[in-house]
C-alpha atoms as a PDB file:
ATOM      1  CA  TRP A   1     128.592  -1.376   9.101  1.00  0.00           C
ATOM      2  CA  ASN A   2     131.790   0.045  10.474  1.00  0.00           C
ATOM      3  CA  GLU A   3     133.719   3.315  10.280  1.00  0.00           C
ATOM      4  CA  PHE A   4     134.605   2.712   6.607  1.00  0.00           C
ATOM      5  CA  GLY A   5     131.474   1.278   5.060  1.00  0.00           C
ATOM      6  CA  PHE A   6     129.218  -1.757   4.966  1.00  0.00           C
ATOM      7  CA  LEU A   7     129.637  -5.515   4.937  1.00  0.00           C
ATOM      8  CA  VAL A   8     127.227  -6.973   2.350  1.00  0.00           C
ATOM      9  CA  ASN A   9     127.299 -10.716   1.656  1.00  0.00           C
ATOM     10  CA  ASP A  10     130.796 -10.906   3.182  1.00  0.00           C
ATOM     11  CA  VAL A  11     132.061  -8.121   0.887  1.00  0.00           C
ATOM     12  CA  GLU A  12     133.357  -4.898   2.437  1.00  0.00           C
ATOM     13  CA  LEU A  13     132.029  -1.831   0.610  1.00  0.00           C
ATOM     14  CA  GLU A  14     133.530   1.557   1.424  1.00  0.00           C
ATOM     15  CA  GLY A  15     131.139   4.514   1.605  1.00  0.00           C
ATOM     16  CA  SER A  16     127.432   4.651   0.819  1.00  0.00           C
ATOM     17  CA  VAL A  17     125.603   1.736  -0.818  1.00  0.00           C
ATOM     18  CA  LEU A  18     122.417   0.880  -2.672  1.00  0.00           C
ATOM     19  CA  VAL A  19     121.194  -2.556  -1.609  1.00  0.00           C
ATOM     20  CA  LEU A  20     118.636  -4.438  -3.690  1.00  0.00           C
ATOM     21  CA  PRO A  21     116.910  -7.770  -3.028  1.00  0.00           C
ATOM     22  CA  ARG A  22     119.602  -9.772  -4.849  1.00  0.00           C
ATOM     23  CA  SER A  23     122.428  -7.335  -5.496  1.00  0.00           C
ATOM     24  CA  TYR A  24     124.203  -4.243  -4.242  1.00  0.00           C
ATOM     25  CA  LEU A  25     126.074  -1.259  -5.655  1.00  0.00           C
ATOM     26  CA  LEU A  26     128.344   1.452  -4.392  1.00  0.00           C
ATOM     27  CA  TRP A  27     126.265   4.628  -4.289  1.00  0.00           C
ATOM     28  CA  SER A  28     127.833   8.045  -4.923  1.00  0.00           C
ATOM     29  CA  PRO A  29     126.063  10.362  -2.408  1.00  0.00           C
ATOM     30  CA  LYS A  30     128.281  11.376   0.482  1.00  0.00           C
ATOM     31  CA  THR A  31     125.873  13.716   2.284  1.00  0.00           C
ATOM     32  CA  PHE A  32     122.123  13.977   2.706  1.00  0.00           C
ATOM     33  CA  ASP A  33     122.126  16.923   0.291  1.00  0.00           C
ATOM     34  CA  ASP A  34     123.543  14.580  -2.382  1.00  0.00           C
ATOM     35  CA  VAL A  35     120.500  12.287  -2.117  1.00  0.00           C
ATOM     36  CA  THR A  36     118.304  13.310  -5.044  1.00  0.00           C
ATOM     37  CA  VAL A  37     115.751  11.766  -7.355  1.00  0.00           C
ATOM     38  CA  ASP A  38     118.508  11.491  -9.982  1.00  0.00           C
ATOM     39  CA  SER A  39     120.755   9.576  -7.583  1.00  0.00           C
ATOM     40  CA  LEU A  40     117.989   6.993  -7.095  1.00  0.00           C
ATOM     41  CA  LYS A  41     116.238   6.749 -10.493  1.00  0.00           C
ATOM     42  CA  LEU A  42     117.694   3.272 -10.992  1.00  0.00           C
ATOM     43  CA  VAL A  43     115.339   1.977  -8.287  1.00  0.00           C
ATOM     44  CA  ALA A  44     112.284   2.880 -10.403  1.00  0.00           C
ATOM     45  CA  LEU A  45     113.666   0.863 -13.344  1.00  0.00           C
ATOM     46  CA  ILE A  46     114.159  -2.444 -11.532  1.00  0.00           C
ATOM     47  CA  GLU A  47     111.963  -5.377 -12.566  1.00  0.00           C
ATOM     48  CA  PRO A  48     110.148  -6.910 -10.829  1.00  0.00           C
ATOM     49  CA  SER A  49     109.417  -3.503  -9.364  1.00  0.00           C
ATOM     50  CA  ILE A  50     110.462  -2.397  -5.900  1.00  0.00           C
ATOM     51  CA  GLU A  51     107.624  -1.844  -3.381  1.00  0.00           C
ATOM     52  CA  ILE A  52     109.536   0.048  -0.707  1.00  0.00           C
ATOM     53  CA  LEU A  53     112.607   2.255  -0.881  1.00  0.00           C
ATOM     54  CA  LEU A  54     114.319   2.765   2.462  1.00  0.00           C
ATOM     55  CA  ILE A  55     116.655   5.726   2.634  1.00  0.00           C
ATOM     56  CA  GLY A  56     119.215   5.649   5.415  1.00  0.00           C
ATOM     57  CA  THR A  57     120.057   9.269   6.178  1.00  0.00           C
ATOM     58  CA  GLY A  58     123.254   8.752   8.177  1.00  0.00           C
ATOM     59  CA  GLU A  59     123.366   9.031  11.963  1.00  0.00           C
ATOM     60  CA  VAL A  60     120.320  11.304  12.172  1.00  0.00           C
ATOM     61  CA  SER A  61     116.854  10.599  10.806  1.00  0.00           C
ATOM     62  CA  ARG A  62     115.632  13.304   8.431  1.00  0.00           C
ATOM     63  CA  PRO A  63     112.266  13.812   6.734  1.00  0.00           C
ATOM     64  CA  PRO A  64     111.964  12.758   3.092  1.00  0.00           C
ATOM     65  CA  LYS A  65     112.222  15.371   0.383  1.00  0.00           C
ATOM     66  CA  PRO A  66     108.727  15.961  -1.102  1.00  0.00           C
ATOM     67  CA  GLU A  67     109.957  15.680  -4.699  1.00  0.00           C
ATOM     68  CA  MET A  68     111.456  12.270  -3.916  1.00  0.00           C
ATOM     69  CA  VAL A  69     108.253  10.975  -2.333  1.00  0.00           C
ATOM     70  CA  GLU A  70     106.205  12.217  -5.309  1.00  0.00           C
ATOM     71  CA  TYR A  71     108.546  10.781  -7.958  1.00  0.00           C
ATOM     72  CA  PHE A  72     108.543   7.320  -6.419  1.00  0.00           C
ATOM     73  CA  ARG A  73     104.805   7.438  -5.634  1.00  0.00           C
ATOM     74  CA  GLN A  74     104.227   7.862  -9.373  1.00  0.00           C
ATOM     75  CA  HIS A  75     106.170   4.605  -9.830  1.00  0.00           C
ATOM     76  CA  GLY A  76     104.227   2.762  -7.112  1.00  0.00           C
ATOM     77  CA  ILE A  77     107.126   2.837  -4.646  1.00  0.00           C
ATOM     78  CA  VAL A  78     106.750   3.891  -1.017  1.00  0.00           C
ATOM     79  CA  VAL A  79     109.667   5.931   0.363  1.00  0.00           C
ATOM     80  CA  GLU A  80     110.609   5.573   4.034  1.00  0.00           C
ATOM     81  CA  GLN A  81     113.464   7.541   5.559  1.00  0.00           C
ATOM     82  CA  MET A  82     115.175   6.879   8.857  1.00  0.00           C
ATOM     83  CA  ASN A  83     118.699   6.788  10.196  1.00  0.00           C
ATOM     84  CA  THR A  84     120.984   4.339   8.439  1.00  0.00           C
ATOM     85  CA  SER A  85     121.121   1.814  11.268  1.00  0.00           C
ATOM     86  CA  SER A  86     117.307   1.553  11.367  1.00  0.00           C
ATOM     87  CA  SER A  87     117.098   1.426   7.555  1.00  0.00           C
ATOM     88  CA  LEU A  88     119.583  -1.427   7.456  1.00  0.00           C
ATOM     89  CA  SER A  89     117.669  -3.420  10.092  1.00  0.00           C
ATOM     90  CA  THR A  90     114.352  -2.786   8.344  1.00  0.00           C
ATOM     91  CA  PHE A  91     115.814  -3.837   4.978  1.00  0.00           C
ATOM     92  CA  ASN A  92     117.067  -7.115   6.444  1.00  0.00           C
ATOM     93  CA  ILE A  93     113.658  -7.920   7.956  1.00  0.00           C
ATOM     94  CA  LEU A  94     111.669  -7.049   4.821  1.00  0.00           C
ATOM     95  CA  ASN A  95     114.135  -8.849   2.560  1.00  0.00           C
ATOM     96  CA  GLU A  96     113.844 -11.988   4.731  1.00  0.00           C
ATOM     97  CA  GLU A  97     110.076 -11.771   4.175  1.00  0.00           C
ATOM     98  CA  ASP A  98     110.738 -11.732   0.389  1.00  0.00           C
ATOM     99  CA  ARG A  99     109.394  -8.189   0.060  1.00  0.00           C
ATOM    100  CA  ARG A 100     110.544  -6.153  -2.943  1.00  0.00           C
ATOM    101  CA  VAL A 101     112.651  -3.683  -0.992  1.00  0.00           C
ATOM    102  CA  ALA A 102     115.668  -1.508  -1.748  1.00  0.00           C
ATOM    103  CA  ALA A 103     117.818   0.446   0.693  1.00  0.00           C
ATOM    104  CA  ALA A 104     119.888   3.495  -0.171  1.00  0.00           C
ATOM    105  CA  LEU A 105     122.264   3.797   2.761  1.00  0.00           C
ATOM    106  CA  LEU A 106     124.406   6.799   3.519  1.00  0.00           C
ATOM    107  CA  HIS A 107     127.274   5.801   5.719  1.00  0.00           C
ATOM    108  CA  PRO A 108     126.428   6.887   9.299  1.00  0.00           C
ATOM    109  CA  SER A 109     129.339   9.315   9.232  1.00  0.00           C
ATOM    110  CA  ALA A 110     128.379  10.350   5.692  1.00  0.00           C
ATOM    111  CA  ASP A 111     128.391  14.095   6.185  1.00  0.00           C
ATOM    112  CA  TRP A 112     132.124  14.057   5.597  1.00  0.00           C
ATOM    113  CA  ASP A 113     133.894  16.685   3.538  1.00  0.00           C
ATOM    114  CA  ASP A 114     136.561  15.770   0.992  1.00  0.00           C
ATOM    115  CA  ASP A 115     138.463  18.935   1.941  1.00  0.00           C
ATOM    116  CA  GLU A 116     138.968  17.862   5.560  1.00  0.00           C
END
Protein backbone atom coordinates (compact mmCIF):
# COMPACT_ATOMS: atom_id res chain seq x y z
CA TRP A 1 0.00 0.00 0.00
CA ASN A 2 0.99 3.62 -0.30
CA GLU A 3 -0.42 7.00 0.70
CA PHE A 4 -3.25 6.71 -1.86
CA GLY A 5 -4.38 3.11 -1.68
CA PHE A 6 -3.37 -0.45 -2.46
CA LEU A 7 -1.62 -2.28 -5.27
CA VAL A 8 -3.55 -5.50 -5.99
CA ASN A 9 -2.43 -7.72 -8.88
CA ASP A 10 -0.53 -4.76 -10.38
CA VAL A 11 -3.66 -2.56 -10.25
CA GLU A 12 -3.60 0.60 -8.14
CA LEU A 13 -6.79 0.98 -6.09
CA GLU A 14 -7.42 4.27 -4.31
CA GLY A 15 -8.94 4.09 -0.83
CA SER A 16 -10.19 1.07 1.09
CA VAL A 17 -10.54 -2.36 -0.54
CA LEU A 18 -12.21 -5.72 -0.07
CA VAL A 19 -9.86 -8.49 -1.22
CA LEU A 20 -11.18 -11.98 -1.92
CA PRO A 21 -9.30 -15.16 -2.87
CA ARG A 22 -9.62 -14.48 -6.61
CA SER A 23 -10.92 -10.94 -6.90
CA TYR A 24 -11.00 -7.52 -5.29
CA LEU A 25 -13.36 -4.56 -4.99
CA LEU A 26 -13.18 -0.96 -3.92
CA TRP A 27 -14.83 -0.78 -0.51
CA SER A 28 -16.74 2.32 0.61
CA PRO A 29 -15.83 2.69 4.33
CA LYS A 30 -13.46 5.55 5.00
CA THR A 31 -13.27 5.29 8.80
CA PHE A 32 -13.53 2.52 11.36
CA ASP A 33 -17.00 3.79 12.29
CA ASP A 34 -18.08 3.10 8.68
CA VAL A 35 -17.21 -0.60 9.03
CA THR A 36 -20.54 -2.29 9.71
CA VAL A 37 -22.21 -5.62 9.13
CA ASP A 38 -24.02 -4.04 6.17
CA SER A 39 -20.73 -2.92 4.62
CA LEU A 40 -19.49 -6.53 4.70
CA LYS A 41 -22.60 -8.67 4.06
CA LEU A 42 -21.25 -9.60 0.62
CA VAL A 43 -18.60 -11.74 2.33
CA ALA A 44 -21.28 -14.04 3.79
CA LEU A 45 -22.76 -14.62 0.31
CA ILE A 46 -19.58 -15.80 -1.42
CA GLU A 47 -19.44 -19.42 -2.58
CA PRO A 48 -17.46 -21.45 -1.79
CA SER A 49 -17.83 -19.81 1.60
CA ILE A 50 -15.16 -17.73 3.28
CA GLU A 51 -13.58 -19.23 6.43
CA ILE A 52 -11.84 -16.14 7.78
CA LEU A 53 -12.59 -12.45 7.40
CA LEU A 54 -9.65 -10.20 8.23
CA ILE A 55 -10.55 -6.60 8.94
CA GLY A 56 -7.72 -4.11 8.62
CA THR A 57 -8.60 -1.22 10.92
CA GLY A 58 -6.17 1.39 9.59
CA GLU A 59 -2.96 2.31 11.39
CA VAL A 60 -4.23 1.22 14.81
CA SER A 61 -5.57 -2.19 15.75
CA ARG A 62 -9.06 -2.04 17.25
CA PRO A 63 -11.24 -4.73 18.82
CA PRO A 64 -14.00 -6.23 16.66
CA LYS A 65 -17.54 -5.00 17.08
CA PRO A 66 -19.59 -7.72 18.87
CA GLU A 67 -22.45 -7.53 16.36
CA MET A 68 -20.00 -8.16 13.52
CA VAL A 69 -18.45 -11.18 15.22
CA GLU A 70 -21.91 -12.63 15.94
CA TYR A 71 -23.26 -12.05 12.42
CA PHE A 72 -20.32 -13.77 10.76
CA ARG A 73 -20.19 -16.55 13.38
CA GLN A 74 -23.75 -17.43 12.35
CA HIS A 75 -22.39 -17.83 8.80
CA GLY A 76 -19.42 -19.96 9.89
CA ILE A 77 -16.90 -17.17 9.34
CA VAL A 78 -14.25 -16.22 11.88
CA VAL A 79 -13.58 -12.47 12.17
CA GLU A 80 -10.06 -11.27 13.00
CA GLN A 81 -9.24 -7.59 13.34
CA MET A 82 -5.81 -6.02 13.35
CA ASN A 83 -4.11 -3.02 11.82
CA THR A 84 -4.23 -2.91 8.04
CA SER A 85 -0.57 -3.75 7.50
CA SER A 86 -0.87 -6.93 9.61
CA SER A 87 -4.19 -7.85 7.95
CA LEU A 88 -2.64 -7.52 4.52
CA SER A 89 0.33 -9.73 5.46
CA THR A 90 -1.94 -12.32 7.05
CA PHE A 91 -4.22 -12.35 3.99
CA ASN A 92 -1.26 -12.98 1.68
CA ILE A 93 -0.02 -15.90 3.81
CA LEU A 94 -3.44 -17.54 4.17
CA ASN A 95 -4.27 -17.00 0.50
CA GLU A 96 -0.96 -18.66 -0.49
CA GLU A 97 -2.06 -21.64 1.62
CA ASP A 98 -5.31 -21.76 -0.42
CA ARG A 99 -7.41 -20.86 2.62
CA ARG A 100 -10.82 -19.30 1.99
CA VAL A 101 -9.96 -15.85 3.30
CA ALA A 102 -11.21 -12.32 2.67
CA ALA A 103 -9.67 -9.05 3.82
CA ALA A 104 -11.55 -5.80 4.29
CA LEU A 105 -8.79 -3.21 4.40
CA LEU A 106 -9.22 0.36 5.52
CA HIS A 107 -6.44 2.47 4.14
CA PRO A 108 -3.90 3.05 6.96
CA SER A 109 -4.68 6.76 6.87
CA ALA A 110 -8.40 5.96 6.56
CA ASP A 111 -9.68 8.21 9.31
CA TRP A 112 -9.67 11.07 6.84
CA ASP A 113 -12.45 13.63 6.67
CA ASP A 114 -13.91 14.78 3.36
CA ASP A 115 -14.27 18.29 4.81
CA GLU A 116 -10.53 18.72 5.39
